[in-house]
Amino acid sequence: MILHEDDSLPQNKINGAIQRSKENLLNTSLFNFVDIFYKSEGTSIDVIIVVSERWYIWPLPIFELVDRNLNEWLLTRDFSRTNYGLYLAVYNFRGRNETLALGFRDGYTKKYSLQYSIPYVSKNQKEGISFSVAYSRNHEIAYNIFNNKLIYFDDDDAYVRKEFYASAQMTFRRKIYNTFMVRVEYNNLQLSDTIRVLNPDYLNSHESKQRYSALTLFFKSDHRDLISYPLHGTYFDAEYFQRGFDFFGDDVAQSNFYSSFRYYAELKKNIFFATGIKGKFSGSSRQPYNITRALGYGREYVRGYEYYVVNGQNFLLFKSNLKLRLLPTLVKKFNFIPSEKFSTIPFSFYLNAFYDIGYVDDQQYFQTNTLSNQLLPGYGIGIDFASYYDIVFSVEYSINKFAEKDFFFHFIISI
């Protein structure tokens, strides 16, 4: 809330402060709906806040596709390339917006994980801490890349990759929209000798193991209206990631710097524009394969190139959207659902025209992966669906520079 008891505020700014407070409350991910009303009494006002809380305890079965995205998995529809298990997450643990999560995965990746985060550990509610630990192992992994496609090795009789990971993180939130984070990590990776023979650059060493500590410094300034599906505001972040230190005797020493900026605006009623740019700079032209990432992972992709991976030491990615809201946000109540936390569902649809362009600088794998060191434009149209619990689903028809056309599906916002 940016309104507090005994505040003084010009009358013409009350509605704006209430709207911003409403958006801030929604962005805590604690509530499905927030309504704020006020009534005047002379020179003072009474503010009434009505919230509909989310469901916080999620004992969910896990079913995950292990490919980089749904589109790649649909090429083979191989159900052996899935994870399954149980995920237990308790959000708003102890009523303090803490999160406790346990994960038990089987299938393609056998993984066991524990995470606990406390967003506020001080009385001023500006510092938070979190801890996580995980152990995973695989019979199959991608050990190289050729023609911008991942190459896999599988051994049904032995685990070819085992990994232990632990981290501790502290956040500092001096202002409501600005956050600074420090994270320390420990990683211990063991491979089968076969992987080292197939790709000597996988770890860039003569060993079949890799151990290192890491330090991350991260800052973000987030002024978006709604994090799950923003239409107004700006976002900026900068990150320094140091993987490995010589004085610890780590097996790798690699520095990366990332930064991104996004802008969202309403051009006219129901017409929205968004654009974003993200880049990565690495301090080395030769890196182990397992830590070399550029485009093709997570949100870092050019639309139209979902079937490709473009690895490299540095990259720059530009994205832009022009959206038309097809219908006002609708709220539908399903009376047959007994819980109000699920029975009232908001949803909205947007027609989306987009243009992206990316560039990957690669001095290591470019001879066998031709999409690096050149501009990669992509464009198309799509429809976005947004609902509660941060659900977003997009269907897009994209065209890349080779005139390859296809429909692609995504469960994350592209910008």
Foldseek 3Di string as FASTA:
>chain_A
DVDDPPDDDPPVCPVVVQLLVQLLVVQLVFFQHKDWDWDDDPRDIDIDIDTHGADFWDFDWDWAAQPQAPVQCVVPVDSLRIKIDTKIWGACVVVQRKIWIWDAIDGQKGKTKTKIKGQADDPVSFKIKMKMKMKIWGQKDFLDAFQQATDMDGDPVDTFKIKIKIKMKMWGHPDSQKIKMKMKMKMKMAGDVVSCVVPVLQLVDPHRIFIWMKMKIKMKGDDFSHPLDGAADKIKMKMWIWTHDVVVVGSDTWIKIKIKMKGKYAPDVQKIKIKMKMKMAIPDQRGRPNPWAAAQHDLRHAPAQNNGGDTARMKMKMKMKIKGWPDPWDWAADVVDPDPSPRIKIKTKIKIWMKMKMAHAHDDCCVRHVRHPDIKIKIWIWMWMAMGPSWIKIWTWMAIPVRDTDIDIDRGDND
